């Protein structure tokens, strides 16, 4: 997921994606705690995707405030 894809989405779609990614991050943390996690790089990717979505949401809120 890159920022250009995110800019084309509505804030509601972004919030839905954010919720889904946070649920995935929660599940990944549990898998890591129980030594069931196979792809450890996925945790980093999910965190970065969450940060990207939050950044785009802030940008869209700033544009709407103008």
PDB file of N, CA and C in Angstrom:
ATOM      1  N   UNK A   1       0.846  -1.167   0.000  1.00  0.00           N
ATOM      2  CA  UNK A   1       0.000   0.000   0.000  1.00  0.00           C
ATOM      3  C   UNK A   1       0.896   1.235   0.000  1.00  0.00           C
ATOM      4  N   UNK A   2       0.668   2.128  -0.961  1.00  0.00           N
ATOM      5  CA  UNK A   2       1.469   3.343  -0.986  1.00  0.00           C
ATOM      6  C   UNK A   2       0.576   4.567  -0.794  1.00  0.00           C
ATOM      7  N   UNK A   3       1.195   5.707  -0.596  1.00  0.00           N
ATOM      8  CA  UNK A   3       0.461   6.923  -0.275  1.00  0.00           C
ATOM      9  C   UNK A   3      -0.436   7.372  -1.432  1.00  0.00           C
ATOM     10  N   UNK A   4      -0.031   7.129  -2.659  1.00  0.00           N
ATOM     11  CA  UNK A   4      -0.859   7.536  -3.806  1.00  0.00           C
ATOM     12  C   UNK A   4      -2.182   6.786  -3.814  1.00  0.00           C
ATOM     13  N   UNK A   5      -2.144   5.506  -3.457  1.00  0.00           N
ATOM     14  CA  UNK A   5      -3.384   4.734  -3.380  1.00  0.00           C
ATOM     15  C   UNK A   5      -4.278   5.280  -2.282  1.00  0.00           C
ATOM     16  N   UNK A   6      -3.674   5.681  -1.177  1.00  0.00           N
ATOM     17  CA  UNK A   6      -4.446   6.152  -0.036  1.00  0.00           C
ATOM     18  C   UNK A   6      -5.077   7.508  -0.297  1.00  0.00           C
ATOM     19  N   UNK A   7      -4.403   8.354  -1.063  1.00  0.00           N
ATOM     20  CA  UNK A   7      -4.939   9.685  -1.333  1.00  0.00           C
ATOM     21  C   UNK A   7      -6.242   9.628  -2.135  1.00  0.00           C
ATOM     22  N   UNK A   8      -6.437   8.568  -2.891  1.00  0.00           N
ATOM     23  CA  UNK A   8      -7.640   8.421  -3.682  1.00  0.00           C
ATOM     24  C   UNK A   8      -8.835   7.899  -2.911  1.00  0.00           C
ATOM     25  N   UNK A   9      -8.628   7.516  -1.658  1.00  0.00           N
ATOM     26  CA  UNK A   9      -9.717   6.962  -0.863  1.00  0.00           C
ATOM     27  C   UNK A   9     -10.380   8.045  -0.017  1.00  0.00           C
ATOM     28  N   UNK A  10     -11.619   7.786   0.356  1.00  0.00           N
ATOM     29  CA  UNK A  10     -12.337   8.713   1.227  1.00  0.00           C
ATOM     30  C   UNK A  10     -11.880   8.506   2.666  1.00  0.00           C
ATOM     31  N   UNK A  11     -12.116   9.491   3.534  1.00  0.00           N
ATOM     32  CA  UNK A  11     -11.738   9.321   4.943  1.00  0.00           C
ATOM     33  C   UNK A  11     -12.418   8.123   5.604  1.00  0.00           C
ATOM     34  N   UNK A  12     -13.653   7.820   5.231  1.00  0.00           N
ATOM     35  CA  UNK A  12     -14.331   6.657   5.807  1.00  0.00           C
ATOM     36  C   UNK A  12     -13.643   5.358   5.401  1.00  0.00           C
ATOM     37  N   UNK A  13     -13.234   5.268   4.147  1.00  0.00           N
ATOM     38  CA  UNK A  13     -12.524   4.084   3.686  1.00  0.00           C
ATOM     39  C   UNK A  13     -11.180   3.951   4.408  1.00  0.00           C
ATOM     40  N   UNK A  14     -10.523   5.082   4.630  1.00  0.00           N
ATOM     41  CA  UNK A  14      -9.240   5.064   5.323  1.00  0.00           C
ATOM     42  C   UNK A  14      -9.410   4.597   6.768  1.00  0.00           C
ATOM     43  N   UNK A  15     -10.469   5.072   7.412  1.00  0.00           N
ATOM     44  CA  UNK A  15     -10.712   4.647   8.796  1.00  0.00           C
ATOM     45  C   UNK A  15     -11.014   3.155   8.872  1.00  0.00           C
ATOM     46  N   UNK A  16     -11.755   2.644   7.891  1.00  0.00           N
ATOM     47  CA  UNK A  16     -12.041   1.207   7.855  1.00  0.00           C
ATOM     48  C   UNK A  16     -10.746   0.407   7.674  1.00  0.00           C
ATOM     49  N   UNK A  17      -9.881   0.881   6.794  1.00  0.00           N
ATOM     50  CA  UNK A  17      -8.595   0.216   6.581  1.00  0.00           C
ATOM     51  C   UNK A  17      -7.742   0.268   7.843  1.00  0.00           C
ATOM     52  N   UNK A  18      -7.807   1.393   8.532  1.00  0.00           N
ATOM     53  CA  UNK A  18      -7.041   1.554   9.760  1.00  0.00           C
ATOM     54  C   UNK A  18      -7.492   0.555  10.825  1.00  0.00           C
ATOM     55  N   UNK A  19      -8.799   0.386  10.961  1.00  0.00           N
ATOM     56  CA  UNK A  19      -9.323  -0.575  11.927  1.00  0.00           C
ATOM     57  C   UNK A  19      -8.883  -1.987  11.576  1.00  0.00           C
ATOM     58  N   UNK A  20      -8.949  -2.327  10.297  1.00  0.00           N
ATOM     59  CA  UNK A  20      -8.544  -3.671   9.872  1.00  0.00           C
ATOM     60  C   UNK A  20      -7.062  -3.912  10.134  1.00  0.00           C
ATOM     61  N   UNK A  21      -6.237  -2.913   9.869  1.00  0.00           N
ATOM     62  CA  UNK A  21      -4.798  -3.073  10.098  1.00  0.00           C
ATOM     63  C   UNK A  21      -4.473  -3.182  11.584  1.00  0.00           C
ATOM     64  N   UNK A  22      -5.198  -2.442  12.405  1.00  0.00           N
ATOM     65  CA  UNK A  22      -4.955  -2.536  13.846  1.00  0.00           C
ATOM     66  C   UNK A  22      -5.350  -3.911  14.374  1.00  0.00           C
ATOM     67  N   UNK A  23      -6.420  -4.480  13.840  1.00  0.00           N
ATOM     68  CA  UNK A  23      -6.803  -5.837  14.233  1.00  0.00           C
ATOM     69  C   UNK A  23      -5.735  -6.833  13.803  1.00  0.00           C
ATOM     70  N   UNK A  24      -5.213  -6.634  12.602  1.00  0.00           N
ATOM     71  CA  UNK A  24      -4.158  -7.532  12.117  1.00  0.00           C
ATOM     72  C   UNK A  24      -2.908  -7.416  12.982  1.00  0.00           C
ATOM     73  N   UNK A  25      -2.551  -6.189  13.361  1.00  0.00           N
ATOM     74  CA  UNK A  25      -1.384  -5.992  14.215  1.00  0.00           C
ATOM     75  C   UNK A  25      -1.587  -6.678  15.561  1.00  0.00           C
ATOM     76  N   UNK A  26      -2.782  -6.611  16.095  1.00  0.00           N
ATOM     77  CA  UNK A  26      -3.100  -7.281  17.357  1.00  0.00           C
ATOM     78  C   UNK A  26      -2.903  -8.783  17.227  1.00  0.00           C
ATOM     79  N   UNK A  27      -3.432  -9.355  16.146  1.00  0.00           N
ATOM     80  CA  UNK A  27      -3.279 -10.795  15.916  1.00  0.00           C
ATOM     81  C   UNK A  27      -1.819 -11.188  15.705  1.00  0.00           C
ATOM     82  N   UNK A  28      -1.077 -10.352  15.025  1.00  0.00           N
ATOM     83  CA  UNK A  28       0.338 -10.642  14.801  1.00  0.00           C
ATOM     84  C   UNK A  28       1.123 -10.628  16.113  1.00  0.00           C
ATOM     85  N   UNK A  29       0.772  -9.707  17.007  1.00  0.00           N
ATOM     86  CA  UNK A  29       1.448  -9.671  18.303  1.00  0.00           C
ATOM     87  C   UNK A  29       1.187 -10.947  19.091  1.00  0.00           C
ATOM     88  N   UNK A  30      -0.050 -11.445  19.029  1.00  0.00           N
ATOM     89  CA  UNK A  30      -0.362 -12.694  19.716  1.00  0.00           C
ATOM     90  C   UNK A  30       0.384 -13.870  19.092  1.00  0.00           C
ATOM     91  N   UNK A  31       0.464 -13.893  17.770  1.00  0.00           N
ATOM     92  CA  UNK A  31       1.199 -14.965  17.106  1.00  0.00           C
ATOM     93  C   UNK A  31       2.669 -14.932  17.500  1.00  0.00           C
ATOM     94  N   UNK A  32       3.216 -13.738  17.625  1.00  0.00           N
ATOM     95  CA  UNK A  32       4.621 -13.630  18.011  1.00  0.00           C
ATOM     96  C   UNK A  32       4.820 -14.106  19.448  1.00  0.00           C
ATOM     97  N   UNK A  33       3.892 -13.781  20.324  1.00  0.00           N
ATOM     98  CA  UNK A  33       4.017 -14.173  21.726  1.00  0.00           C
ATOM     99  C   UNK A  33       3.941 -15.685  21.901  1.00  0.00           C
ATOM    100  N   UNK A  34       3.211 -16.345  21.010  1.00  0.00           N
ATOM    101  CA  UNK A  34       3.070 -17.793  21.115  1.00  0.00           C
ATOM    102  C   UNK A  34       4.001 -18.533  20.156  1.00  0.00           C
ATOM    103  N   UNK A  35       4.939 -17.815  19.580  1.00  0.00           N
ATOM    104  CA  UNK A  35       5.923 -18.383  18.644  1.00  0.00           C
ATOM    105  C   UNK A  35       5.274 -19.050  17.435  1.00  0.00           C
ATOM    106  N   UNK A  36       4.174 -18.501  16.963  1.00  0.00           N
ATOM    107  CA  UNK A  36       3.513 -19.025  15.768  1.00  0.00           C
ATOM    108  C   UNK A  36       3.710 -18.122  14.557  1.00  0.00           C
ATOM    109  N   UNK A  37       4.350 -16.989  14.751  1.00  0.00           N
ATOM    110  CA  UNK A  37       4.519 -16.019  13.674  1.00  0.00           C
ATOM    111  C   UNK A  37       5.619 -16.474  12.731  1.00  0.00           C
ATOM    112  N   UNK A  38       5.275 -16.609  11.446  1.00  0.00           N
ATOM    113  CA  UNK A  38       6.251 -17.058  10.455  1.00  0.00           C
ATOM    114  C   UNK A  38       6.888 -15.890   9.714  1.00  0.00           C
ATOM    115  N   UNK A  39       6.088 -14.889   9.380  1.00  0.00           N
ATOM    116  CA  UNK A  39       6.605 -13.751   8.621  1.00  0.00           C
ATOM    117  C   UNK A  39       6.726 -12.545   9.548  1.00  0.00           C
ATOM    118  N   UNK A  40       7.883 -12.388  10.151  1.00  0.00           N
ATOM    119  CA  UNK A  40       8.067 -11.306  11.110  1.00  0.00           C
ATOM    120  C   UNK A  40       8.098  -9.936  10.436  1.00  0.00           C
ATOM    121  N   UNK A  41       8.419  -9.897   9.171  1.00  0.00           N
ATOM    122  CA  UNK A  41       8.450  -8.624   8.443  1.00  0.00           C
ATOM    123  C   UNK A  41       7.054  -8.045   8.287  1.00  0.00           C
ATOM    124  N   UNK A  42       6.034  -8.883   8.367  1.00  0.00           N
ATOM    125  CA  UNK A  42       4.657  -8.398   8.213  1.00  0.00           C
ATOM    126  C   UNK A  42       4.300  -7.412   9.325  1.00  0.00           C
ATOM    127  N   UNK A  43       4.827  -7.609  10.526  1.00  0.00           N
ATOM    128  CA  UNK A  43       4.545  -6.687  11.631  1.00  0.00           C
ATOM    129  C   UNK A  43       5.031  -5.278  11.293  1.00  0.00           C
ATOM    130  N   UNK A  44       6.223  -5.209  10.740  1.00  0.00           N
ATOM    131  CA  UNK A  44       6.778  -3.903  10.377  1.00  0.00           C
ATOM    132  C   UNK A  44       5.956  -3.252   9.262  1.00  0.00           C
ATOM    133  N   UNK A  45       5.560  -4.046   8.278  1.00  0.00           N
ATOM    134  CA  UNK A  45       4.764  -3.511   7.178  1.00  0.00           C
ATOM    135  C   UNK A  45       3.420  -2.985   7.666  1.00  0.00           C
ATOM    136  N   UNK A  46       2.802  -3.698   8.585  1.00  0.00           N
ATOM    137  CA  UNK A  46       1.509  -3.263   9.113  1.00  0.00           C
ATOM    138  C   UNK A  46       1.670  -1.947   9.871  1.00  0.00           C
ATOM    139  N   UNK A  47       2.714  -1.843  10.689  1.00  0.00           N
ATOM    140  CA  UNK A  47       2.943  -0.596  11.434  1.00  0.00           C
ATOM    141  C   UNK A  47       3.146   0.584  10.483  1.00  0.00           C
ATOM    142  N   UNK A  48       3.902   0.350   9.427  1.00  0.00           N
ATOM    143  CA  UNK A  48       4.153   1.430   8.462  1.00  0.00           C
ATOM    144  C   UNK A  48       2.874   1.808   7.714  1.00  0.00           C
ATOM    145  N   UNK A  49       2.047   0.821   7.384  1.00  0.00           N
ATOM    146  CA  UNK A  49       0.784   1.105   6.716  1.00  0.00           C
ATOM    147  C   UNK A  49      -0.144   1.911   7.622  1.00  0.00           C
ATOM    148  N   UNK A  50      -0.153   1.574   8.902  1.00  0.00           N
ATOM    149  CA  UNK A  50      -0.968   2.340   9.859  1.00  0.00           C
ATOM    150  C   UNK A  50      -0.482   3.788   9.893  1.00  0.00           C
ATOM    151  N   UNK A  51       0.808   3.989   9.929  1.00  0.00           N
ATOM    152  CA  UNK A  51       1.362   5.345   9.952  1.00  0.00           C
ATOM    153  C   UNK A  51       1.011   6.106   8.678  1.00  0.00           C
ATOM    154  N   UNK A  52       1.060   5.427   7.533  1.00  0.00           N
ATOM    155  CA  UNK A  52       0.710   6.080   6.274  1.00  0.00           C
ATOM    156  C   UNK A  52      -0.745   6.528   6.272  1.00  0.00           C
ATOM    157  N   UNK A  53      -1.617   5.653   6.742  1.00  0.00           N
ATOM    158  CA  UNK A  53      -3.041   5.985   6.760  1.00  0.00           C
ATOM    159  C   UNK A  53      -3.302   7.159   7.697  1.00  0.00           C
ATOM    160  N   UNK A  54      -2.675   7.147   8.861  1.00  0.00           N
ATOM    161  CA  UNK A  54      -2.862   8.251   9.804  1.00  0.00           C
ATOM    162  C   UNK A  54      -2.363   9.559   9.213  1.00  0.00           C
ATOM    163  N   UNK A  55      -1.247   9.509   8.503  1.00  0.00           N
ATOM    164  CA  UNK A  55      -0.693  10.707   7.873  1.00  0.00           C
ATOM    165  C   UNK A  55      -1.651  11.261   6.829  1.00  0.00           C
ATOM    166  N   UNK A  56      -2.197  10.394   6.003  1.00  0.00           N
ATOM    167  CA  UNK A  56      -3.125  10.837   4.959  1.00  0.00           C
ATOM    168  C   UNK A  56      -4.395  11.394   5.587  1.00  0.00           C
ATOM    169  N   UNK A  57      -4.879  10.778   6.663  1.00  0.00           N
ATOM    170  CA  UNK A  57      -6.069  11.288   7.336  1.00  0.00           C
ATOM    171  C   UNK A  57      -5.832  12.702   7.879  1.00  0.00           C
ATOM    172  N   UNK A  58      -4.667  12.930   8.452  1.00  0.00           N
ATOM    173  CA  UNK A  58      -4.341  14.263   8.962  1.00  0.00           C
ATOM    174  C   UNK A  58      -4.256  15.263   7.816  1.00  0.00           C
ATOM    175  N   UNK A  59      -3.656  14.846   6.698  1.00  0.00           N
ATOM    176  CA  UNK A  59      -3.560  15.737   5.544  1.00  0.00           C
ATOM    177  C   UNK A  59      -4.934  16.114   5.018  1.00  0.00           C
ATOM    178  N   UNK A  60      -5.826  15.118   4.939  1.00  0.00           N
ATOM    179  CA  UNK A  60      -7.172  15.375   4.437  1.00  0.00           C
ATOM    180  C   UNK A  60      -7.940  16.274   5.404  1.00  0.00           C
ATOM    181  N   UNK A  61      -7.745  16.112   6.693  1.00  0.00           N
ATOM    182  CA  UNK A  61      -8.408  16.967   7.687  1.00  0.00           C
ATOM    183  C   UNK A  61      -7.891  18.403   7.575  1.00  0.00           C
ATOM    184  N   UNK A  62      -6.606  18.562   7.327  1.00  0.00           N
ATOM    185  CA  UNK A  62      -6.035  19.899   7.169  1.00  0.00           C
ATOM    186  C   UNK A  62      -6.576  20.582   5.920  1.00  0.00           C
ATOM    187  N   UNK A  63      -6.732  19.818   4.846  1.00  0.00           N
ATOM    188  CA  UNK A  63      -7.293  20.374   3.612  1.00  0.00           C
ATOM    189  C   UNK A  63      -8.740  20.798   3.824  1.00  0.00           C
ATOM    190  N   UNK A  64      -9.490  19.995   4.561  1.00  0.00           N
ATOM    191  CA  UNK A  64     -10.900  20.299   4.795  1.00  0.00           C
ATOM    192  C   UNK A  64     -11.052  21.519   5.703  1.00  0.00           C
ATOM    193  N   UNK A  65     -10.087  21.747   6.574  1.00  0.00           N
ATOM    194  CA  UNK A  65     -10.156  22.889   7.503  1.00  0.00           C
ATOM    195  C   UNK A  65      -9.872  24.216   6.817  1.00  0.00           C
ATOM    196  N   UNK A  66      -9.233  24.156   5.662  1.00  0.00           N
ATOM    197  CA  UNK A  66      -8.888  25.406   4.949  1.00  0.00           C
ATOM    198  C   UNK A  66     -10.101  26.072   4.366  1.00  0.00           C
TER     199      UNK A  66
END
